[in-house]
Every structure is written in structure tokens, then in C-alpha cells.
Amino acid sequence: MHSGCLPPSLPSSTVRTQISSISSSIMASGMISFCYALFCFHLTLSVEIYLK
């Protein structure tokens, strides 16, 4: 995998595969951050309930 602009000589199927892999990795990182935010929210809620 090389970074930078894609050369126009590449077939569209390769570009489509690369785009789908990039979008899937973005979705995976988004799910991880969402779970982490949910965990932090649950932790804060538990601490607030415990302190009351």
C-alpha cells in the first residue's frame, strides 16, 4: 500500500476495492470510539450514582 494520489492507469475495480477497505476501516474505528464513549459514559454515571 503506497500513500499519495492514485495513478489514472489503475482499473476502476482496484480503486473500488481500496475505497471499500478504507471505508470499512473507518467504520471499525468509529465503532471502537463509540464503544469507548459508551463505556466512559457508563463509568461516569456509576461514579455519580455511587457518590450520591
PDB file of N, CA and C in Angstrom:
ATOM      1  N   MET A   1       0.856  -1.204   0.000  1.00  0.00           N
ATOM      2  CA  MET A   1       0.000   0.000   0.000  1.00  0.00           C
ATOM      3  C   MET A   1       0.887   1.246   0.000  1.00  0.00           C
ATOM      4  N   HIS A   2       0.770   2.052  -1.034  1.00  0.00           N
ATOM      5  CA  HIS A   2       1.548   3.282  -1.099  1.00  0.00           C
ATOM      6  C   HIS A   2       0.628   4.471  -0.881  1.00  0.00           C
ATOM      7  N   SER A   3       1.122   5.494  -0.192  1.00  0.00           N
ATOM      8  CA  SER A   3       0.316   6.682   0.060  1.00  0.00           C
ATOM      9  C   SER A   3       0.430   7.643  -1.112  1.00  0.00           C
ATOM     10  N   GLY A   4      -0.481   8.591  -1.185  1.00  0.00           N
ATOM     11  CA  GLY A   4      -0.442   9.555  -2.274  1.00  0.00           C
ATOM     12  C   GLY A   4      -1.583   9.342  -3.249  1.00  0.00           C
ATOM     13  N   CYS A   5      -1.558  10.100  -4.340  1.00  0.00           N
ATOM     14  CA  CYS A   5      -2.627  10.025  -5.327  1.00  0.00           C
ATOM     15  C   CYS A   5      -2.501   8.742  -6.151  1.00  0.00           C
ATOM     16  N   LEU A   6      -3.658   8.215  -6.551  1.00  0.00           N
ATOM     17  CA  LEU A   6      -3.655   7.017  -7.374  1.00  0.00           C
ATOM     18  C   LEU A   6      -3.394   7.388  -8.829  1.00  0.00           C
ATOM     19  N   PRO A   7      -2.543   6.637  -9.522  1.00  0.00           N
ATOM     20  CA  PRO A   7      -2.315   6.902 -10.943  1.00  0.00           C
ATOM     21  C   PRO A   7      -3.571   6.583 -11.753  1.00  0.00           C
ATOM     22  N   PRO A   8      -3.863   7.339 -12.808  1.00  0.00           N
ATOM     23  CA  PRO A   8      -5.081   7.126 -13.589  1.00  0.00           C
ATOM     24  C   PRO A   8      -5.063   5.824 -14.383  1.00  0.00           C
ATOM     25  N   SER A   9      -3.903   5.148 -14.452  1.00  0.00           N
ATOM     26  CA  SER A   9      -3.813   3.926 -15.240  1.00  0.00           C
ATOM     27  C   SER A   9      -4.424   2.732 -14.508  1.00  0.00           C
ATOM     28  N   LEU A  10      -4.709   2.891 -13.201  1.00  0.00           N
ATOM     29  CA  LEU A  10      -5.282   1.789 -12.444  1.00  0.00           C
ATOM     30  C   LEU A  10      -6.716   1.520 -12.881  1.00  0.00           C
ATOM     31  N   PRO A  11      -7.116   0.250 -12.933  1.00  0.00           N
ATOM     32  CA  PRO A  11      -8.516  -0.076 -13.250  1.00  0.00           C
ATOM     33  C   PRO A  11      -9.452   0.366 -12.132  1.00  0.00           C
ATOM     34  N   SER A  12     -10.708   0.552 -12.485  1.00  0.00           N
ATOM     35  CA  SER A  12     -11.676   1.068 -11.507  1.00  0.00           C
ATOM     36  C   SER A  12     -11.955   0.044 -10.410  1.00  0.00           C
ATOM     37  N   SER A  13     -11.774  -1.252 -10.707  1.00  0.00           N
ATOM     38  CA  SER A  13     -12.047  -2.271  -9.695  1.00  0.00           C
ATOM     39  C   SER A  13     -11.053  -2.156  -8.539  1.00  0.00           C
ATOM     40  N   THR A  14      -9.787  -1.862  -8.847  1.00  0.00           N
ATOM     41  CA  THR A  14      -8.784  -1.696  -7.793  1.00  0.00           C
ATOM     42  C   THR A  14      -9.125  -0.492  -6.926  1.00  0.00           C
ATOM     43  N   VAL A  15      -9.541   0.587  -7.570  1.00  0.00           N
ATOM     44  CA  VAL A  15      -9.915   1.796  -6.826  1.00  0.00           C
ATOM     45  C   VAL A  15     -11.118   1.509  -5.934  1.00  0.00           C
ATOM     46  N   ARG A  16     -12.083   0.758  -6.466  1.00  0.00           N
ATOM     47  CA  ARG A  16     -13.284   0.442  -5.700  1.00  0.00           C
ATOM     48  C   ARG A  16     -12.926  -0.432  -4.495  1.00  0.00           C
ATOM     49  N   THR A  17     -12.027  -1.378  -4.691  1.00  0.00           N
ATOM     50  CA  THR A  17     -11.609  -2.241  -3.581  1.00  0.00           C
ATOM     51  C   THR A  17     -10.915  -1.423  -2.506  1.00  0.00           C
ATOM     52  N   GLN A  18     -10.058  -0.490  -2.935  1.00  0.00           N
ATOM     53  CA  GLN A  18      -9.333   0.339  -1.975  1.00  0.00           C
ATOM     54  C   GLN A  18     -10.299   1.235  -1.199  1.00  0.00           C
ATOM     55  N   ILE A  19     -11.284   1.800  -1.892  1.00  0.00           N
ATOM     56  CA  ILE A  19     -12.259   2.672  -1.241  1.00  0.00           C
ATOM     57  C   ILE A  19     -13.080   1.882  -0.221  1.00  0.00           C
ATOM     58  N   SER A  20     -13.470   0.654  -0.596  1.00  0.00           N
ATOM     59  CA  SER A  20     -14.281  -0.149   0.322  1.00  0.00           C
ATOM     60  C   SER A  20     -13.470  -0.544   1.553  1.00  0.00           C
ATOM     61  N   SER A  21     -12.190  -0.852   1.363  1.00  0.00           N
ATOM     62  CA  SER A  21     -11.355  -1.223   2.518  1.00  0.00           C
ATOM     63  C   SER A  21     -11.138  -0.024   3.426  1.00  0.00           C
ATOM     64  N   ILE A  22     -10.965   1.162   2.833  1.00  0.00           N
ATOM     65  CA  ILE A  22     -10.782   2.381   3.624  1.00  0.00           C
ATOM     66  C   ILE A  22     -12.054   2.693   4.417  1.00  0.00           C
ATOM     67  N   SER A  23     -13.209   2.563   3.766  1.00  0.00           N
ATOM     68  CA  SER A  23     -14.468   2.874   4.448  1.00  0.00           C
ATOM     69  C   SER A  23     -14.739   1.866   5.562  1.00  0.00           C
ATOM     70  N   SER A  24     -14.373   0.600   5.336  1.00  0.00           N
ATOM     71  CA  SER A  24     -14.595  -0.408   6.379  1.00  0.00           C
ATOM     72  C   SER A  24     -13.701  -0.153   7.575  1.00  0.00           C
ATOM     73  N   SER A  25     -12.460   0.294   7.326  1.00  0.00           N
ATOM     74  CA  SER A  25     -11.557   0.596   8.443  1.00  0.00           C
ATOM     75  C   SER A  25     -12.047   1.822   9.202  1.00  0.00           C
ATOM     76  N   ILE A  26     -12.608   2.801   8.484  1.00  0.00           N
ATOM     77  CA  ILE A  26     -13.169   3.986   9.135  1.00  0.00           C
ATOM     78  C   ILE A  26     -14.361   3.588  10.007  1.00  0.00           C
ATOM     79  N   MET A  27     -15.197   2.687   9.484  1.00  0.00           N
ATOM     80  CA  MET A  27     -16.360   2.241  10.246  1.00  0.00           C
ATOM     81  C   MET A  27     -15.928   1.473  11.490  1.00  0.00           C
ATOM     82  N   ALA A  28     -14.868   0.659  11.361  1.00  0.00           N
ATOM     83  CA  ALA A  28     -14.377  -0.117  12.509  1.00  0.00           C
ATOM     84  C   ALA A  28     -13.860   0.819  13.600  1.00  0.00           C
ATOM     85  N   SER A  29     -13.086   1.832  13.204  1.00  0.00           N
ATOM     86  CA  SER A  29     -12.555   2.773  14.193  1.00  0.00           C
ATOM     87  C   SER A  29     -13.692   3.582  14.817  1.00  0.00           C
ATOM     88  N   GLY A  30     -14.722   3.877  14.045  1.00  0.00           N
ATOM     89  CA  GLY A  30     -15.869   4.598  14.573  1.00  0.00           C
ATOM     90  C   GLY A  30     -16.613   3.774  15.617  1.00  0.00           C
ATOM     91  N   MET A  31     -16.766   2.468  15.346  1.00  0.00           N
ATOM     92  CA  MET A  31     -17.440   1.596  16.306  1.00  0.00           C
ATOM     93  C   MET A  31     -16.630   1.495  17.588  1.00  0.00           C
ATOM     94  N   ILE A  32     -15.298   1.427  17.463  1.00  0.00           N
ATOM     95  CA  ILE A  32     -14.433   1.330  18.639  1.00  0.00           C
ATOM     96  C   ILE A  32     -14.559   2.592  19.492  1.00  0.00           C
ATOM     97  N   SER A  33     -14.531   3.759  18.835  1.00  0.00           N
ATOM     98  CA  SER A  33     -14.637   5.014  19.582  1.00  0.00           C
ATOM     99  C   SER A  33     -16.022   5.160  20.203  1.00  0.00           C
ATOM    100  N   PHE A  34     -17.060   4.650  19.508  1.00  0.00           N
ATOM    101  CA  PHE A  34     -18.414   4.717  20.046  1.00  0.00           C
ATOM    102  C   PHE A  34     -18.533   3.855  21.298  1.00  0.00           C
ATOM    103  N   CYS A  35     -17.966   2.638  21.252  1.00  0.00           N
ATOM    104  CA  CYS A  35     -17.989   1.755  22.426  1.00  0.00           C
ATOM    105  C   CYS A  35     -17.208   2.370  23.580  1.00  0.00           C
ATOM    106  N   TYR A  36     -16.087   3.023  23.254  1.00  0.00           N
ATOM    107  CA  TYR A  36     -15.267   3.660  24.291  1.00  0.00           C
ATOM    108  C   TYR A  36     -16.037   4.813  24.940  1.00  0.00           C
ATOM    109  N   ALA A  37     -16.743   5.604  24.130  1.00  0.00           N
ATOM    110  CA  ALA A  37     -17.530   6.715  24.669  1.00  0.00           C
ATOM    111  C   ALA A  37     -18.669   6.188  25.531  1.00  0.00           C
ATOM    112  N   LEU A  38     -19.292   5.100  25.090  1.00  0.00           N
ATOM    113  CA  LEU A  38     -20.377   4.488  25.861  1.00  0.00           C
ATOM    114  C   LEU A  38     -19.853   3.981  27.201  1.00  0.00           C
ATOM    115  N   PHE A  39     -18.654   3.374  27.184  1.00  0.00           N
ATOM    116  CA  PHE A  39     -18.046   2.866  28.414  1.00  0.00           C
ATOM    117  C   PHE A  39     -17.720   3.999  29.369  1.00  0.00           C
ATOM    118  N   CYS A  40     -17.178   5.108  28.839  1.00  0.00           N
ATOM    119  CA  CYS A  40     -16.848   6.259  29.682  1.00  0.00           C
ATOM    120  C   CYS A  40     -18.112   6.862  30.277  1.00  0.00           C
ATOM    121  N   PHE A  41     -19.181   6.942  29.481  1.00  0.00           N
ATOM    122  CA  PHE A  41     -20.444   7.491  29.968  1.00  0.00           C
ATOM    123  C   PHE A  41     -21.006   6.622  31.084  1.00  0.00           C
ATOM    124  N   HIS A  42     -20.934   5.293  30.898  1.00  0.00           N
ATOM    125  CA  HIS A  42     -21.424   4.364  31.912  1.00  0.00           C
ATOM    126  C   HIS A  42     -20.607   4.485  33.194  1.00  0.00           C
ATOM    127  N   LEU A  43     -19.294   4.657  33.024  1.00  0.00           N
ATOM    128  CA  LEU A  43     -18.405   4.787  34.185  1.00  0.00           C
ATOM    129  C   LEU A  43     -18.728   6.058  34.960  1.00  0.00           C
ATOM    130  N   THR A  44     -18.922   7.171  34.240  1.00  0.00           N
ATOM    131  CA  THR A  44     -19.237   8.439  34.900  1.00  0.00           C
ATOM    132  C   THR A  44     -20.576   8.354  35.620  1.00  0.00           C
ATOM    133  N   LEU A  45     -21.545   7.705  34.974  1.00  0.00           N
ATOM    134  CA  LEU A  45     -22.869   7.558  35.582  1.00  0.00           C
ATOM    135  C   LEU A  45     -22.770   6.729  36.856  1.00  0.00           C
ATOM    136  N   SER A  46     -21.989   5.652  36.823  1.00  0.00           N
ATOM    137  CA  SER A  46     -21.834   4.798  38.006  1.00  0.00           C
ATOM    138  C   SER A  46     -21.163   5.565  39.145  1.00  0.00           C
ATOM    139  N   VAL A  47     -20.176   6.374  38.836  1.00  0.00           N
ATOM    140  CA  VAL A  47     -19.483   7.160  39.859  1.00  0.00           C
ATOM    141  C   VAL A  47     -20.432   8.180  40.472  1.00  0.00           C
ATOM    142  N   GLU A  48     -21.253   8.825  39.626  1.00  0.00           N
ATOM    143  CA  GLU A  48     -22.201   9.817  40.142  1.00  0.00           C
ATOM    144  C   GLU A  48     -23.228   9.159  41.056  1.00  0.00           C
ATOM    145  N   ILE A  49     -23.721   7.995  40.665  1.00  0.00           N
ATOM    146  CA  ILE A  49     -24.701   7.279  41.495  1.00  0.00           C
ATOM    147  C   ILE A  49     -24.051   6.845  42.810  1.00  0.00           C
ATOM    148  N   TYR A  50     -22.780   6.423  42.728  1.00  0.00           N
ATOM    149  CA  TYR A  50     -22.070   5.959  43.925  1.00  0.00           C
ATOM    150  C   TYR A  50     -21.816   7.110  44.897  1.00  0.00           C
ATOM    151  N   LEU A  51     -21.557   8.308  44.365  1.00  0.00           N
ATOM    152  CA  LEU A  51     -21.251   9.451  45.231  1.00  0.00           C
ATOM    153  C   LEU A  51     -22.504  10.043  45.862  1.00  0.00           C
ATOM    154  N   LYS A  52     -23.669   9.797  45.287  1.00  0.00           N
ATOM    155  CA  LYS A  52     -24.888  10.408  45.828  1.00  0.00           C
ATOM    156  C   LYS A  52     -25.352   9.730  47.105  1.00  0.00           C
TER     157      LYS A  52
END
